[in-house]
Protein backbone atom coordinates (compact mmCIF):
# COMPACT_ATOMS: atom_id res chain seq x y z
CA MET A 1 -38.31 61.12 0.55
CA ALA A 2 -37.37 57.84 -0.52
CA ASP A 3 -37.72 57.18 -4.03
CA ALA A 4 -40.60 54.34 -4.66
CA SER A 5 -40.48 54.51 -8.27
CA ALA A 6 -36.59 54.44 -8.48
CA GLY A 7 -36.34 50.79 -10.38
CA MET A 8 -38.53 52.55 -13.18
CA ARG A 9 -35.84 54.46 -14.10
CA ALA A 10 -33.03 52.13 -15.49
CA LYS A 11 -32.90 52.13 -19.20
CA ARG A 12 -31.96 48.82 -21.01
CA GLY A 13 -28.36 48.13 -20.70
CA GLY A 14 -28.18 49.92 -16.93
CA MET A 15 -27.86 53.02 -18.54
CA ILE A 16 -30.49 56.06 -16.54
CA GLU A 17 -33.68 56.77 -18.89
CA ILE A 18 -35.99 59.88 -17.92
CA GLU A 19 -39.00 59.32 -15.86
CA VAL A 20 -42.61 61.11 -17.03
CA ILE A 21 -45.56 61.44 -14.73
CA ARG A 22 -48.20 64.21 -15.38
CA LEU A 23 -49.61 64.95 -12.03
CA TYR A 24 -52.76 66.28 -13.32
CA SER A 25 -53.74 67.89 -16.91
CA GLY A 26 -56.75 69.96 -17.84
CA SER A 27 -58.45 73.35 -17.36
CA LYS A 28 -58.23 73.02 -13.88
CA GLY A 29 -54.60 73.06 -13.76
CA ASN A 30 -51.15 71.13 -15.19
CA SER A 31 -48.41 70.00 -14.08
CA THR A 32 -45.72 67.57 -14.96
CA LEU A 33 -43.30 65.69 -13.17
CA VAL A 34 -39.51 65.11 -14.87
CA ARG A 35 -36.64 63.09 -13.12
CA SER A 36 -33.57 61.43 -14.05
CA GLY A 37 -31.49 59.48 -11.03
CA ARG A 38 -31.70 62.15 -8.19
CA ASP A 39 -32.61 65.20 -10.43
CA ALA A 40 -36.13 66.21 -10.93
CA VAL A 41 -38.10 69.36 -12.35
CA LEU A 42 -41.57 70.40 -12.89
CA ILE A 43 -42.99 71.71 -15.58
CA ASP A 44 -45.70 74.02 -14.86
CA ALA A 45 -47.21 74.29 -11.22
CA GLY A 46 -51.03 75.03 -11.76
CA LYS A 47 -53.82 74.05 -9.36
CA SER A 48 -53.27 74.67 -5.81
CA ALA A 49 -49.97 74.34 -3.73
CA ARG A 50 -51.97 71.57 -1.56
CA ALA A 51 -52.83 69.88 -4.76
CA LEU A 52 -49.40 69.95 -5.94
CA GLU A 53 -47.79 68.43 -3.14
CA THR A 54 -50.31 65.72 -2.90
CA ALA A 55 -49.77 64.78 -6.25
CA LEU A 56 -45.84 64.96 -5.87
CA ARG A 57 -46.50 62.33 -2.74
CA SER A 58 -48.53 60.29 -4.84
CA ALA A 59 -45.23 60.14 -7.24
CA GLY A 60 -42.66 59.15 -4.74
CA GLU A 61 -41.30 62.70 -4.96
CA ASP A 62 -41.31 65.68 -2.49
CA ILE A 63 -41.18 69.41 -3.38
CA ASP A 64 -38.00 69.70 -1.56
CA GLY A 65 -36.85 67.28 -4.14
CA ILE A 66 -37.73 69.37 -6.76
CA SER A 67 -34.84 71.64 -8.42
CA ALA A 68 -36.28 73.82 -10.10
CA VAL A 69 -39.76 74.99 -11.96
CA PHE A 70 -40.12 75.85 -15.46
CA ILE A 71 -43.43 77.81 -16.44
CA THR A 72 -45.06 77.30 -20.02
CA HIS A 73 -46.86 80.35 -20.11
CA GLU A 74 -48.66 82.77 -17.74
CA HIS A 75 -52.19 81.24 -17.84
CA SER A 76 -53.47 80.53 -14.29
CA ASP A 77 -54.01 76.80 -14.85
CA HIS A 78 -50.61 76.80 -15.59
CA VAL A 79 -49.02 78.99 -13.03
CA SER A 80 -51.76 79.25 -9.71
CA ALA A 81 -49.69 77.14 -7.08
CA LEU A 82 -46.60 79.25 -7.68
CA ARG A 83 -47.40 81.75 -5.26
CA ILE A 84 -47.17 79.41 -2.10
CA ILE A 85 -44.81 76.79 -3.24
CA THR A 86 -42.09 79.78 -3.39
CA LYS A 87 -43.33 80.95 -0.43
CA ASN A 88 -42.36 78.17 1.62
CA HIS A 89 -39.70 76.55 -0.47
CA SER A 90 -36.81 77.97 -2.18
CA VAL A 91 -37.19 76.51 -5.59
CA PRO A 92 -36.65 78.58 -8.92
CA VAL A 93 -38.84 79.39 -10.90
CA HIS A 94 -37.58 79.78 -15.08
CA MET A 95 -40.21 81.48 -17.18
CA THR A 96 -40.46 83.91 -20.29
CA GLU A 97 -40.08 88.01 -19.78
CA PRO A 98 -42.83 88.19 -21.84
CA ALA A 99 -45.16 85.37 -19.91
CA ALA A 100 -43.34 87.12 -16.37
CA LYS A 101 -44.80 90.85 -17.41
CA ALA A 102 -48.20 89.39 -19.12
CA GLY A 103 -48.75 87.66 -15.71
CA GLY A 104 -47.44 89.84 -13.18
CA LEU A 105 -45.33 86.89 -12.21
CA GLY A 106 -41.71 88.35 -11.99
CA SER A 107 -43.10 90.66 -8.99
CA VAL A 108 -44.34 87.39 -6.89
CA TYR A 109 -40.73 86.06 -6.74
CA SER A 110 -37.35 86.67 -4.98
CA PRO A 111 -34.89 87.55 -7.48
CA ALA A 112 -33.24 84.25 -5.80
CA THR A 113 -36.40 82.24 -6.95
CA ALA A 114 -37.42 84.19 -10.69
CA ASN A 115 -34.92 83.49 -13.71
CA ILE A 116 -36.35 85.38 -16.24
CA HIS A 117 -35.46 84.50 -19.92
CA PRO A 118 -35.79 85.54 -23.47
CA PRO A 119 -38.54 82.82 -25.26
CA LEU A 120 -35.45 80.65 -26.25
CA TYR A 121 -33.49 79.15 -23.37
CA SER A 122 -31.71 76.33 -22.25
CA VAL A 123 -31.05 75.71 -18.48
CA GLN A 124 -28.75 72.38 -17.03
CA VAL A 125 -30.60 70.83 -14.14
CA GLY A 126 -28.32 68.10 -12.45
CA CYS A 127 -28.11 65.37 -15.61
CA MET A 128 -30.95 66.69 -17.50
CA ASN A 129 -30.60 69.86 -19.70
CA VAL A 130 -33.80 71.69 -20.20
CA ARG A 131 -34.39 73.73 -23.63
CA SER A 132 -37.09 75.86 -24.69
CA PHE A 133 -38.95 76.25 -27.61
CA VAL A 134 -42.18 78.51 -28.77
CA VAL A 135 -45.76 76.88 -29.61
CA PRO A 136 -48.56 78.59 -31.06
CA HIS A 137 -50.86 80.01 -28.24
CA ASP A 138 -53.14 83.01 -27.29
CA SER A 139 -50.81 83.95 -24.55
CA SER A 140 -47.72 86.22 -24.43
CA VAL A 141 -45.38 83.37 -24.87
CA CYS A 142 -45.98 79.96 -24.98
CA ASN A 143 -43.18 77.30 -24.44
CA GLY A 144 -42.67 73.58 -25.12
CA PHE A 145 -39.47 71.91 -23.63
CA ARG A 146 -37.14 69.24 -24.56
CA ILE A 147 -35.65 67.71 -22.23
CA GLU A 148 -32.53 65.45 -22.54
CA THR A 149 -29.77 63.52 -20.62
CA GLU A 150 -26.89 61.81 -22.42
CA ASN A 151 -28.94 58.61 -22.99
CA ASP A 152 -32.31 59.92 -23.29
CA SER A 153 -34.68 62.60 -24.05
CA VAL A 154 -38.55 63.65 -23.63
CA GLY A 155 -40.70 66.47 -25.26
CA ILE A 156 -43.25 68.35 -23.52
CA VAL A 157 -46.13 70.80 -25.49
CA THR A 158 -49.16 71.55 -24.65
CA ASP A 159 -51.87 74.22 -25.10
CA CYS A 160 -50.51 74.13 -28.76
CA GLY A 161 -52.90 75.81 -31.52
CA ARG A 162 -51.04 73.67 -34.29
CA VAL A 163 -48.02 71.54 -34.56
CA THR A 164 -45.29 74.01 -36.73
CA GLU A 165 -42.35 72.59 -38.37
CA ASP A 166 -40.08 74.09 -35.42
CA VAL A 167 -42.71 72.30 -32.56
CA TYR A 168 -42.21 68.87 -34.71
CA GLU A 169 -38.65 69.67 -35.14
CA ASN A 170 -38.25 69.73 -31.39
CA LEU A 171 -40.15 66.79 -30.58
CA LYS A 172 -38.48 64.69 -33.48
CA GLY A 173 -36.58 61.81 -31.74
CA CYS A 174 -37.84 62.08 -28.31
CA ARG A 175 -38.34 58.99 -27.00
CA VAL A 176 -41.78 60.34 -24.32
CA VAL A 177 -43.76 62.88 -25.87
CA VAL A 178 -46.56 64.33 -23.39
CA ILE A 179 -48.76 66.59 -26.18
CA GLU A 180 -52.18 68.13 -26.11
CA ALA A 181 -55.01 66.35 -27.49
CA ASN A 182 -57.81 68.92 -26.25
CA HIS A 183 -60.81 68.21 -28.56
CA ASP A 184 -62.87 65.99 -30.58
CA ILE A 185 -63.64 68.73 -33.50
CA ARG A 186 -67.05 67.26 -33.72
CA MET A 187 -67.77 67.39 -29.91
CA LEU A 188 -66.44 71.10 -30.05
CA GLU A 189 -68.52 72.25 -33.23
CA GLU A 190 -71.98 70.63 -31.31
CA GLY A 191 -70.90 71.60 -27.60
CA PRO A 192 -72.08 74.06 -25.57
CA TYR A 193 -69.57 76.76 -26.10
CA ASP A 194 -70.31 79.85 -27.88
CA PRO A 195 -69.50 80.53 -31.47
CA ALA A 196 -66.18 83.17 -29.93
CA LEU A 197 -64.82 80.37 -27.77
CA LYS A 198 -65.48 77.50 -30.33
CA ALA A 199 -63.30 79.85 -33.00
CA ARG A 200 -60.76 80.49 -30.32
CA VAL A 201 -60.18 76.74 -29.24
CA ALA A 202 -60.12 75.75 -32.85
CA SER A 203 -57.94 78.88 -34.04
CA PRO A 204 -54.25 78.02 -35.09
CA PHE A 205 -53.54 79.60 -31.87
CA GLY A 206 -55.61 77.85 -29.49
CA HIS A 207 -55.50 74.48 -28.80
CA LEU A 208 -54.83 70.87 -30.70
CA SER A 209 -57.88 68.37 -31.68
CA ASN A 210 -57.60 64.88 -31.17
CA SER A 211 -57.06 64.51 -35.29
CA SER A 212 -54.05 67.02 -35.22
CA CYS A 213 -52.35 65.26 -32.24
CA ALA A 214 -52.71 62.30 -33.99
CA GLU A 215 -51.06 63.36 -37.40
CA THR A 216 -48.38 64.71 -35.05
CA VAL A 217 -47.94 60.89 -33.06
CA VAL A 218 -47.83 59.16 -36.04
CA ARG A 219 -44.89 61.18 -37.68
CA LEU A 220 -42.90 61.13 -34.15
CA ALA A 221 -43.07 57.59 -34.20
CA GLY A 222 -40.82 56.70 -37.13
CA THR A 223 -38.12 58.98 -34.99
CA GLY A 224 -38.33 56.77 -32.16
CA THR A 225 -40.67 58.22 -29.77
CA GLU A 226 -41.97 55.01 -28.01
CA SER A 227 -44.52 56.42 -25.52
CA VAL A 228 -47.18 59.23 -25.78
CA ILE A 229 -48.89 60.80 -22.63
CA LEU A 230 -51.67 62.82 -24.30
CA ALA A 231 -52.54 66.07 -22.45
CA HIS A 232 -54.85 69.16 -21.35
CA LEU A 233 -58.08 67.14 -22.57
CA SER A 234 -61.38 69.20 -22.27
CA GLU A 235 -63.95 67.80 -20.13
CA ILE A 236 -66.69 69.33 -22.26
CA ASN A 237 -65.17 68.47 -25.73
CA ASN A 238 -63.37 65.35 -25.50
CA ALA A 239 -62.89 62.06 -23.74
CA PRO A 240 -59.92 60.04 -22.39
CA ASP A 241 -61.01 56.89 -24.27
CA LEU A 242 -61.96 58.88 -27.40
CA ALA A 243 -58.56 60.77 -27.43
CA VAL A 244 -56.36 57.16 -27.04
CA ARG A 245 -58.70 55.64 -30.05
CA THR A 246 -58.31 58.22 -32.16
CA VAL A 247 -54.59 58.50 -31.68
CA GLU A 248 -54.15 54.51 -31.42
CA GLU A 249 -56.07 53.93 -34.66
CA ALA A 250 -53.83 56.51 -36.86
CA LEU A 251 -50.59 54.55 -35.53
CA ARG A 252 -52.29 51.53 -36.62
CA SER A 253 -53.37 52.69 -40.02
CA ALA A 254 -49.62 53.50 -40.36
CA GLY A 255 -48.27 50.45 -38.95
CA SER A 256 -46.67 52.14 -35.95
CA ASN A 257 -46.53 51.07 -32.26
CA VAL A 258 -46.42 53.88 -29.81
CA ARG A 259 -47.97 53.12 -26.19
CA VAL A 260 -50.42 55.99 -25.59
CA ALA A 261 -51.68 57.19 -22.24
CA ALA A 262 -54.44 60.01 -21.72
CA ALA A 263 -53.70 62.30 -18.80
CA SER A 264 -55.91 62.63 -15.93
CA GLN A 265 -57.40 65.68 -14.22
CA ASN A 266 -57.74 64.27 -10.87
CA GLN A 267 -54.59 61.54 -10.41
CA ILE A 268 -51.19 61.13 -11.94
CA THR A 269 -50.19 59.31 -14.96
CA ARG A 270 -47.04 57.88 -15.50
CA ALA A 271 -45.41 57.65 -19.09
CA GLU A 272 -45.47 53.74 -20.11
CA VAL A 273 -42.69 52.08 -20.46
């Protein structure tokens, strides 16, 4: 398929920069397209195979143009499209051994398709190096990813109970960051979830709040981050305008200028350049 947005990837000075597109985001499914030049990978493959392929077309991409899929963890909203995608296409899938065992994922794919790794691993995909790091979440192991080319870097971390110093160090200096802003603390406390679920979401192994996300984005702004996509927003305990406002107000108070967008559950969201 012709790449309608190739012109958006021309970096200042003629260098190639990494393009980041959140295909969809939230409890119903998650997937991010990352590409540079002719190379493209997916981070997660939630929803259905049909939804994934439709979103890819909206982004000017085709599933056969994807070189690899990297899985953050085994929860269904991150892997539900994989069975059909790998049945119909020979795209390699990379995941950790704990995630494969916990989700029964290793038995789904052929040895040629499944690539099982320890929690910390690195894979070269064309001009991009994809490197994992561990994120606190209530799954077997949850990975974030730092993706680098010779001239650019992006970081992706969702389903994150708290931003540890290790998580921060792996995001530090990334031009584009996709980071969870799952809930507003007050909306969660006053919302309809039962006490046990509220405690799970707010725990250090649950999901990141708007305010915690904002604190991290302010720190990252001082390291070279230029654009942020807020991801995995709760439909019940958050709102896109509230999440963006919380982060932008924190940035203004710190005298920082980072472009902020909230990812949608129903349409693609591009990192602003």
